[in-house]
Amino acid sequence: MNTIKISATHARNNFFEVLGWVESGKNVIVEKDKKEIAVIIPKKTQKTDLKGLKKLMSELHGVEKDFDLSKSPLRGKRSKKWLEKIRSY
């Protein structure tokens, strides 16, 4: 992994450039008065649990066929009132 050292002034003046470096996988060390004061590193992303997702999807298979769309509160003349009502929550 690449590491870049920059001054605090450069970090302040070029913050979006620094974020671009971090987004591309680089670590950025910020120095002030020739002392390292901060390290900006990419956030680790969580991996998707594909086995768990597949199991959950198989358990949910067929649930939607029990839903009667004609009884949805978003259909019909009273939908506007229903949406206004839930906005207050």
PDB file of N, CA and C in Angstrom:
ATOM      1  N   MET A   1       0.844  -1.174   0.000  1.00  0.00           N
ATOM      2  CA  MET A   1       0.000   0.000   0.000  1.00  0.00           C
ATOM      3  C   MET A   1       0.888   1.235   0.000  1.00  0.00           C
ATOM      4  N   ASN A   2       0.528   2.215  -0.782  1.00  0.00           N
ATOM      5  CA  ASN A   2       1.307   3.444  -0.888  1.00  0.00           C
ATOM      6  C   ASN A   2       1.011   4.369   0.285  1.00  0.00           C
ATOM      7  N   THR A   3       2.040   5.083   0.711  1.00  0.00           N
ATOM      8  CA  THR A   3       1.899   6.067   1.773  1.00  0.00           C
ATOM      9  C   THR A   3       2.423   7.398   1.273  1.00  0.00           C
ATOM     10  N   ILE A   4       1.685   8.458   1.553  1.00  0.00           N
ATOM     11  CA  ILE A   4       2.071   9.798   1.131  1.00  0.00           C
ATOM     12  C   ILE A   4       2.203  10.654   2.384  1.00  0.00           C
ATOM     13  N   LYS A   5       3.285  11.442   2.481  1.00  0.00           N
ATOM     14  CA  LYS A   5       3.449  12.392   3.583  1.00  0.00           C
ATOM     15  C   LYS A   5       3.215  13.794   3.039  1.00  0.00           C
ATOM     16  N   ILE A   6       2.359  14.539   3.734  1.00  0.00           N
ATOM     17  CA  ILE A   6       2.090  15.919   3.333  1.00  0.00           C
ATOM     18  C   ILE A   6       2.058  16.812   4.569  1.00  0.00           C
ATOM     19  N   SER A   7       2.195  18.091   4.340  1.00  0.00           N
ATOM     20  CA  SER A   7       2.113  19.044   5.450  1.00  0.00           C
ATOM     21  C   SER A   7       0.642  19.318   5.782  1.00  0.00           C
ATOM     22  N   ALA A   8       0.428  19.803   6.982  1.00  0.00           N
ATOM     23  CA  ALA A   8      -0.932  20.140   7.407  1.00  0.00           C
ATOM     24  C   ALA A   8      -1.508  21.250   6.519  1.00  0.00           C
ATOM     25  N   THR A   9      -0.675  22.167   6.116  1.00  0.00           N
ATOM     26  CA  THR A   9      -1.121  23.254   5.241  1.00  0.00           C
ATOM     27  C   THR A   9      -1.571  22.713   3.895  1.00  0.00           C
ATOM     28  N   HIS A  10      -0.781  21.783   3.333  1.00  0.00           N
ATOM     29  CA  HIS A  10      -1.154  21.171   2.055  1.00  0.00           C
ATOM     30  C   HIS A  10      -2.467  20.387   2.205  1.00  0.00           C
ATOM     31  N   ALA A  11      -2.615  19.681   3.318  1.00  0.00           N
ATOM     32  CA  ALA A  11      -3.855  18.923   3.561  1.00  0.00           C
ATOM     33  C   ALA A  11      -5.045  19.866   3.629  1.00  0.00           C
ATOM     34  N   ARG A  12      -4.880  20.993   4.314  1.00  0.00           N
ATOM     35  CA  ARG A  12      -5.959  21.969   4.439  1.00  0.00           C
ATOM     36  C   ARG A  12      -6.319  22.575   3.083  1.00  0.00           C
ATOM     37  N   ASN A  13      -5.313  22.948   2.326  1.00  0.00           N
ATOM     38  CA  ASN A  13      -5.559  23.637   1.053  1.00  0.00           C
ATOM     39  C   ASN A  13      -6.010  22.708  -0.066  1.00  0.00           C
ATOM     40  N   ASN A  14      -5.743  21.407   0.076  1.00  0.00           N
ATOM     41  CA  ASN A  14      -6.056  20.447  -0.993  1.00  0.00           C
ATOM     42  C   ASN A  14      -6.823  19.250  -0.437  1.00  0.00           C
ATOM     43  N   PHE A  15      -7.797  19.518   0.399  1.00  0.00           N
ATOM     44  CA  PHE A  15      -8.484  18.441   1.110  1.00  0.00           C
ATOM     45  C   PHE A  15      -9.129  17.427   0.168  1.00  0.00           C
ATOM     46  N   PHE A  16      -9.771  17.891  -0.898  1.00  0.00           N
ATOM     47  CA  PHE A  16     -10.427  16.957  -1.803  1.00  0.00           C
ATOM     48  C   PHE A  16      -9.418  16.111  -2.583  1.00  0.00           C
ATOM     49  N   GLU A  17      -8.270  16.657  -2.865  1.00  0.00           N
ATOM     50  CA  GLU A  17      -7.197  15.877  -3.483  1.00  0.00           C
ATOM     51  C   GLU A  17      -6.747  14.767  -2.520  1.00  0.00           C
ATOM     52  N   VAL A  18      -6.602  15.123  -1.237  1.00  0.00           N
ATOM     53  CA  VAL A  18      -6.221  14.141  -0.216  1.00  0.00           C
ATOM     54  C   VAL A  18      -7.274  13.039  -0.133  1.00  0.00           C
ATOM     55  N   LEU A  19      -8.548  13.432  -0.139  1.00  0.00           N
ATOM     56  CA  LEU A  19      -9.611  12.415  -0.109  1.00  0.00           C
ATOM     57  C   LEU A  19      -9.555  11.506  -1.333  1.00  0.00           C
ATOM     58  N   GLY A  20      -9.200  12.045  -2.468  1.00  0.00           N
ATOM     59  CA  GLY A  20      -9.049  11.237  -3.678  1.00  0.00           C
ATOM     60  C   GLY A  20      -7.951  10.197  -3.527  1.00  0.00           C
ATOM     61  N   TRP A  21      -6.836  10.595  -2.912  1.00  0.00           N
ATOM     62  CA  TRP A  21      -5.748   9.638  -2.670  1.00  0.00           C
ATOM     63  C   TRP A  21      -6.215   8.519  -1.747  1.00  0.00           C
ATOM     64  N   VAL A  22      -6.901   8.916  -0.684  1.00  0.00           N
ATOM     65  CA  VAL A  22      -7.379   7.920   0.290  1.00  0.00           C
ATOM     66  C   VAL A  22      -8.385   6.985  -0.371  1.00  0.00           C
ATOM     67  N   GLU A  23      -9.256   7.544  -1.182  1.00  0.00           N
ATOM     68  CA  GLU A  23     -10.249   6.730  -1.884  1.00  0.00           C
ATOM     69  C   GLU A  23      -9.590   5.717  -2.814  1.00  0.00           C
ATOM     70  N   SER A  24      -8.450   6.078  -3.369  1.00  0.00           N
ATOM     71  CA  SER A  24      -7.749   5.162  -4.275  1.00  0.00           C
ATOM     72  C   SER A  24      -6.906   4.123  -3.527  1.00  0.00           C
ATOM     73  N   GLY A  25      -6.944   4.178  -2.166  1.00  0.00           N
ATOM     74  CA  GLY A  25      -6.271   3.150  -1.386  1.00  0.00           C
ATOM     75  C   GLY A  25      -4.975   3.568  -0.726  1.00  0.00           C
ATOM     76  N   LYS A  26      -4.626   4.825  -0.809  1.00  0.00           N
ATOM     77  CA  LYS A  26      -3.363   5.279  -0.229  1.00  0.00           C
ATOM     78  C   LYS A  26      -3.557   5.774   1.197  1.00  0.00           C
ATOM     79  N   ASN A  27      -2.532   5.572   2.035  1.00  0.00           N
ATOM     80  CA  ASN A  27      -2.505   6.152   3.370  1.00  0.00           C
ATOM     81  C   ASN A  27      -1.852   7.518   3.268  1.00  0.00           C
ATOM     82  N   VAL A  28      -2.392   8.502   3.979  1.00  0.00           N
ATOM     83  CA  VAL A  28      -1.836   9.847   3.959  1.00  0.00           C
ATOM     84  C   VAL A  28      -1.414  10.214   5.381  1.00  0.00           C
ATOM     85  N   ILE A  29      -0.142  10.545   5.541  1.00  0.00           N
ATOM     86  CA  ILE A  29       0.386  10.992   6.829  1.00  0.00           C
ATOM     87  C   ILE A  29       0.487  12.502   6.778  1.00  0.00           C
ATOM     88  N   VAL A  30      -0.133  13.165   7.750  1.00  0.00           N
ATOM     89  CA  VAL A  30      -0.120  14.624   7.809  1.00  0.00           C
ATOM     90  C   VAL A  30       0.906  15.052   8.852  1.00  0.00           C
ATOM     91  N   GLU A  31       1.809  15.956   8.447  1.00  0.00           N
ATOM     92  CA  GLU A  31       2.861  16.438   9.341  1.00  0.00           C
ATOM     93  C   GLU A  31       2.658  17.920   9.635  1.00  0.00           C
ATOM     94  N   LYS A  32       2.950  18.286  10.880  1.00  0.00           N
ATOM     95  CA  LYS A  32       2.933  19.687  11.286  1.00  0.00           C
ATOM     96  C   LYS A  32       4.198  19.933  12.099  1.00  0.00           C
ATOM     97  N   ASP A  33       4.954  20.923  11.716  1.00  0.00           N
ATOM     98  CA  ASP A  33       6.234  21.217  12.367  1.00  0.00           C
ATOM     99  C   ASP A  33       7.155  19.989  12.388  1.00  0.00           C
ATOM    100  N   LYS A  34       7.161  19.273  11.263  1.00  0.00           N
ATOM    101  CA  LYS A  34       7.993  18.078  11.072  1.00  0.00           C
ATOM    102  C   LYS A  34       7.664  16.938  12.037  1.00  0.00           C
ATOM    103  N   LYS A  35       6.447  16.951  12.584  1.00  0.00           N
ATOM    104  CA  LYS A  35       5.975  15.858  13.444  1.00  0.00           C
ATOM    105  C   LYS A  35       4.721  15.273  12.808  1.00  0.00           C
ATOM    106  N   GLU A  36       4.648  13.952  12.806  1.00  0.00           N
ATOM    107  CA  GLU A  36       3.451  13.293  12.286  1.00  0.00           C
ATOM    108  C   GLU A  36       2.318  13.506  13.277  1.00  0.00           C
ATOM    109  N   ILE A  37       1.219  14.094  12.795  1.00  0.00           N
ATOM    110  CA  ILE A  37       0.099  14.374  13.696  1.00  0.00           C
ATOM    111  C   ILE A  37      -1.164  13.593  13.351  1.00  0.00           C
ATOM    112  N   ALA A  38      -1.231  13.086  12.126  1.00  0.00           N
ATOM    113  CA  ALA A  38      -2.447  12.361  11.732  1.00  0.00           C
ATOM    114  C   ALA A  38      -2.139  11.394  10.607  1.00  0.00           C
ATOM    115  N   VAL A  39      -2.942  10.355  10.558  1.00  0.00           N
ATOM    116  CA  VAL A  39      -2.893   9.404   9.452  1.00  0.00           C
ATOM    117  C   VAL A  39      -4.314   9.252   8.940  1.00  0.00           C
ATOM    118  N   ILE A  40      -4.487   9.454   7.661  1.00  0.00           N
ATOM    119  CA  ILE A  40      -5.804   9.287   7.036  1.00  0.00           C
ATOM    120  C   ILE A  40      -5.732   8.022   6.207  1.00  0.00           C
ATOM    121  N   ILE A  41      -6.599   7.067   6.524  1.00  0.00           N
ATOM    122  CA  ILE A  41      -6.560   5.769   5.849  1.00  0.00           C
ATOM    123  C   ILE A  41      -7.938   5.449   5.277  1.00  0.00           C
ATOM    124  N   PRO A  42      -7.984   4.605   4.245  1.00  0.00           N
ATOM    125  CA  PRO A  42      -9.277   4.218   3.677  1.00  0.00           C
ATOM    126  C   PRO A  42     -10.087   3.411   4.685  1.00  0.00           C
ATOM    127  N   LYS A  43     -11.394   3.627   4.671  1.00  0.00           N
ATOM    128  CA  LYS A  43     -12.280   2.863   5.524  1.00  0.00           C
ATOM    129  C   LYS A  43     -12.398   1.450   4.968  1.00  0.00           C
ATOM    130  N   LYS A  44     -12.313   0.487   5.860  1.00  0.00           N
ATOM    131  CA  LYS A  44     -12.462  -0.893   5.425  1.00  0.00           C
ATOM    132  C   LYS A  44     -13.937  -1.167   5.189  1.00  0.00           C
ATOM    133  N   THR A  45     -14.232  -1.770   4.061  1.00  0.00           N
ATOM    134  CA  THR A  45     -15.626  -2.091   3.755  1.00  0.00           C
ATOM    135  C   THR A  45     -15.936  -3.492   4.237  1.00  0.00           C
ATOM    136  N   GLN A  46     -17.168  -3.667   4.669  1.00  0.00           N
ATOM    137  CA  GLN A  46     -17.580  -4.984   5.122  1.00  0.00           C
ATOM    138  C   GLN A  46     -17.898  -5.860   3.917  1.00  0.00           C
ATOM    139  N   LYS A  47     -17.524  -7.100   4.025  1.00  0.00           N
ATOM    140  CA  LYS A  47     -17.836  -8.040   2.953  1.00  0.00           C
ATOM    141  C   LYS A  47     -19.277  -8.513   3.116  1.00  0.00           C
ATOM    142  N   THR A  48     -19.940  -8.765   2.008  1.00  0.00           N
ATOM    143  CA  THR A  48     -21.301  -9.251   2.024  1.00  0.00           C
ATOM    144  C   THR A  48     -21.300 -10.739   2.328  1.00  0.00           C
ATOM    145  N   ASP A  49     -22.134 -11.134   3.266  1.00  0.00           N
ATOM    146  CA  ASP A  49     -22.288 -12.541   3.615  1.00  0.00           C
ATOM    147  C   ASP A  49     -23.215 -13.182   2.583  1.00  0.00           C
ATOM    148  N   LEU A  50     -22.623 -13.690   1.492  1.00  0.00           N
ATOM    149  CA  LEU A  50     -23.425 -14.212   0.395  1.00  0.00           C
ATOM    150  C   LEU A  50     -24.221 -15.449   0.790  1.00  0.00           C
ATOM    151  N   LYS A  51     -23.638 -16.306   1.623  1.00  0.00           N
ATOM    152  CA  LYS A  51     -24.364 -17.510   2.050  1.00  0.00           C
ATOM    153  C   LYS A  51     -25.577 -17.128   2.873  1.00  0.00           C
ATOM    154  N   GLY A  52     -25.397 -16.189   3.798  1.00  0.00           N
ATOM    155  CA  GLY A  52     -26.507 -15.738   4.623  1.00  0.00           C
ATOM    156  C   GLY A  52     -27.575 -15.042   3.799  1.00  0.00           C
ATOM    157  N   LEU A  53     -27.146 -14.235   2.817  1.00  0.00           N
ATOM    158  CA  LEU A  53     -28.088 -13.549   1.945  1.00  0.00           C
ATOM    159  C   LEU A  53     -28.897 -14.539   1.120  1.00  0.00           C
ATOM    160  N   LYS A  54     -28.234 -15.556   0.584  1.00  0.00           N
ATOM    161  CA  LYS A  54     -28.924 -16.563  -0.211  1.00  0.00           C
ATOM    162  C   LYS A  54     -29.943 -17.317   0.637  1.00  0.00           C
ATOM    163  N   LYS A  55     -29.569 -17.656   1.881  1.00  0.00           N
ATOM    164  CA  LYS A  55     -30.481 -18.357   2.787  1.00  0.00           C
ATOM    165  C   LYS A  55     -31.696 -17.483   3.093  1.00  0.00           C
ATOM    166  N   LEU A  56     -31.466 -16.210   3.385  1.00  0.00           N
ATOM    167  CA  LEU A  56     -32.556 -15.297   3.689  1.00  0.00           C
ATOM    168  C   LEU A  56     -33.492 -15.138   2.500  1.00  0.00           C
ATOM    169  N   MET A  57     -32.925 -15.021   1.308  1.00  0.00           N
ATOM    170  CA  MET A  57     -33.761 -14.876   0.113  1.00  0.00           C
ATOM    171  C   MET A  57     -34.607 -16.114  -0.131  1.00  0.00           C
ATOM    172  N   SER A  58     -34.050 -17.296   0.141  1.00  0.00           N
ATOM    173  CA  SER A  58     -34.838 -18.512  -0.057  1.00  0.00           C
ATOM    174  C   SER A  58     -35.963 -18.609   0.978  1.00  0.00           C
ATOM    175  N   GLU A  59     -35.714 -18.098   2.194  1.00  0.00           N
ATOM    176  CA  GLU A  59     -36.758 -18.096   3.219  1.00  0.00           C
ATOM    177  C   GLU A  59     -37.883 -17.127   2.870  1.00  0.00           C
ATOM    178  N   LEU A  60     -37.547 -16.034   2.185  1.00  0.00           N
ATOM    179  CA  LEU A  60     -38.542 -15.029   1.830  1.00  0.00           C
ATOM    180  C   LEU A  60     -39.257 -15.333   0.515  1.00  0.00           C
ATOM    181  N   HIS A  61     -38.794 -16.309  -0.212  1.00  0.00           N
ATOM    182  CA  HIS A  61     -39.378 -16.626  -1.513  1.00  0.00           C
ATOM    183  C   HIS A  61     -40.869 -16.934  -1.359  1.00  0.00           C
ATOM    184  N   GLY A  62     -41.680 -16.224  -2.104  1.00  0.00           N
ATOM    185  CA  GLY A  62     -43.108 -16.460  -2.084  1.00  0.00           C
ATOM    186  C   GLY A  62     -43.879 -15.550  -1.145  1.00  0.00           C
ATOM    187  N   VAL A  63     -43.206 -14.765  -0.341  1.00  0.00           N
ATOM    188  CA  VAL A  63     -43.902 -13.889   0.597  1.00  0.00           C
ATOM    189  C   VAL A  63     -44.719 -12.846  -0.147  1.00  0.00           C
ATOM    190  N   GLU A  64     -44.163 -12.299  -1.225  1.00  0.00           N
ATOM    191  CA  GLU A  64     -44.849 -11.231  -1.937  1.00  0.00           C
ATOM    192  C   GLU A  64     -46.133 -11.678  -2.608  1.00  0.00           C
ATOM    193  N   LYS A  65     -46.300 -12.955  -2.877  1.00  0.00           N
ATOM    194  CA  LYS A  65     -47.529 -13.391  -3.551  1.00  0.00           C
ATOM    195  C   LYS A  65     -48.733 -13.308  -2.618  1.00  0.00           C
ATOM    196  N   ASP A  66     -48.508 -13.196  -1.310  1.00  0.00           N
ATOM    197  CA  ASP A  66     -49.603 -13.051  -0.364  1.00  0.00           C
ATOM    198  C   ASP A  66     -50.044 -11.594  -0.212  1.00  0.00           C
ATOM    199  N   PHE A  67     -49.304 -10.671  -0.800  1.00  0.00           N
ATOM    200  CA  PHE A  67     -49.608  -9.251  -0.672  1.00  0.00           C
ATOM    201  C   PHE A  67     -50.609  -8.840  -1.731  1.00  0.00           C
ATOM    202  N   ASP A  68     -51.719  -8.238  -1.298  1.00  0.00           N
ATOM    203  CA  ASP A  68     -52.754  -7.768  -2.215  1.00  0.00           C
ATOM    204  C   ASP A  68     -52.508  -6.288  -2.497  1.00  0.00           C
ATOM    205  N   LEU A  69     -52.012  -5.978  -3.666  1.00  0.00           N
ATOM    206  CA  LEU A  69     -51.657  -4.618  -4.026  1.00  0.00           C
ATOM    207  C   LEU A  69     -52.861  -3.688  -4.040  1.00  0.00           C
ATOM    208  N   SER A  70     -54.038  -4.221  -4.292  1.00  0.00           N
ATOM    209  CA  SER A  70     -55.226  -3.362  -4.338  1.00  0.00           C
ATOM    210  C   SER A  70     -55.576  -2.800  -2.966  1.00  0.00           C
ATOM    211  N   LYS A  71     -55.069  -3.423  -1.889  1.00  0.00           N
ATOM    212  CA  LYS A  71     -55.358  -2.932  -0.537  1.00  0.00           C
ATOM    213  C   LYS A  71     -54.237  -2.043  -0.002  1.00  0.00           C
ATOM    214  N   SER A  72     -53.277  -1.705  -0.837  1.00  0.00           N
ATOM    215  CA  SER A  72     -52.157  -0.871  -0.421  1.00  0.00           C
ATOM    216  C   SER A  72     -52.653   0.535  -0.091  1.00  0.00           C
ATOM    217  N   PRO A  73     -52.178   1.121   1.013  1.00  0.00           N
ATOM    218  CA  PRO A  73     -52.580   2.485   1.345  1.00  0.00           C
ATOM    219  C   PRO A  73     -52.048   3.519   0.352  1.00  0.00           C
ATOM    220  N   LEU A  74     -51.138   3.129  -0.506  1.00  0.00           N
ATOM    221  CA  LEU A  74     -50.604   4.050  -1.506  1.00  0.00           C
ATOM    222  C   LEU A  74     -51.425   4.060  -2.785  1.00  0.00           C
ATOM    223  N   ARG A  75     -52.467   3.293  -2.817  1.00  0.00           N
ATOM    224  CA  ARG A  75     -53.352   3.265  -3.984  1.00  0.00           C
ATOM    225  C   ARG A  75     -54.704   3.855  -3.585  1.00  0.00           C
ATOM    226  N   GLY A  76     -55.319   4.516  -4.491  1.00  0.00           N
ATOM    227  CA  GLY A  76     -56.662   5.010  -4.246  1.00  0.00           C
ATOM    228  C   GLY A  76     -56.699   6.479  -3.852  1.00  0.00           C
ATOM    229  N   LYS A  77     -57.900   6.921  -3.518  1.00  0.00           N
ATOM    230  CA  LYS A  77     -58.156   8.332  -3.266  1.00  0.00           C
ATOM    231  C   LYS A  77     -57.589   8.813  -1.933  1.00  0.00           C
ATOM    232  N   ARG A  78     -57.405   7.907  -0.990  1.00  0.00           N
ATOM    233  CA  ARG A  78     -56.967   8.316   0.340  1.00  0.00           C
ATOM    234  C   ARG A  78     -55.447   8.258   0.529  1.00  0.00           C
ATOM    235  N   SER A  79     -54.697   8.035  -0.517  1.00  0.00           N
ATOM    236  CA  SER A  79     -53.241   7.894  -0.377  1.00  0.00           C
ATOM    237  C   SER A  79     -52.580   9.179   0.099  1.00  0.00           C
ATOM    238  N   LYS A  80     -53.062  10.330  -0.382  1.00  0.00           N
ATOM    239  CA  LYS A  80     -52.474  11.599   0.020  1.00  0.00           C
ATOM    240  C   LYS A  80     -52.638  11.809   1.530  1.00  0.00           C
ATOM    241  N   LYS A  81     -53.824  11.524   2.058  1.00  0.00           N
ATOM    242  CA  LYS A  81     -54.071  11.659   3.497  1.00  0.00           C
ATOM    243  C   LYS A  81     -53.201  10.686   4.284  1.00  0.00           C
ATOM    244  N   TRP A  82     -53.043   9.483   3.783  1.00  0.00           N
ATOM    245  CA  TRP A  82     -52.235   8.471   4.483  1.00  0.00           C
ATOM    246  C   TRP A  82     -50.775   8.913   4.545  1.00  0.00           C
ATOM    247  N   LEU A  83     -50.248   9.439   3.439  1.00  0.00           N
ATOM    248  CA  LEU A  83     -48.868   9.907   3.417  1.00  0.00           C
ATOM    249  C   LEU A  83     -48.667  11.087   4.361  1.00  0.00           C
ATOM    250  N   GLU A  84     -49.631  12.003   4.423  1.00  0.00           N
ATOM    251  CA  GLU A  84     -49.540  13.127   5.358  1.00  0.00           C
ATOM    252  C   GLU A  84     -49.559  12.630   6.800  1.00  0.00           C
ATOM    253  N   LYS A  85     -50.338  11.605   7.046  1.00  0.00           N
ATOM    254  CA  LYS A  85     -50.451  11.045   8.401  1.00  0.00           C
ATOM    255  C   LYS A  85     -49.123  10.416   8.846  1.00  0.00           C
ATOM    256  N   ILE A  86     -48.465   9.658   7.970  1.00  0.00           N
ATOM    257  CA  ILE A  86     -47.223   9.000   8.379  1.00  0.00           C
ATOM    258  C   ILE A  86     -46.046   9.959   8.446  1.00  0.00           C
ATOM    259  N   ARG A  87     -46.130  11.108   7.772  1.00  0.00           N
ATOM    260  CA  ARG A  87     -45.059  12.106   7.852  1.00  0.00           C
ATOM    261  C   ARG A  87     -44.927  12.659   9.271  1.00  0.00           C
ATOM    262  N   SER A  88     -46.012  12.647  10.017  1.00  0.00           N
ATOM    263  CA  SER A  88     -45.984  13.220  11.366  1.00  0.00           C
ATOM    264  C   SER A  88     -45.296  12.339  12.385  1.00  0.00           C
ATOM    265  N   TYR A  89     -44.953  11.116  12.032  1.00  0.00           N
ATOM    266  CA  TYR A  89     -44.304  10.215  12.974  1.00  0.00           C
ATOM    267  C   TYR A  89     -42.874  10.573  13.194  1.00  0.00           C
TER     268      TYR A  89
END
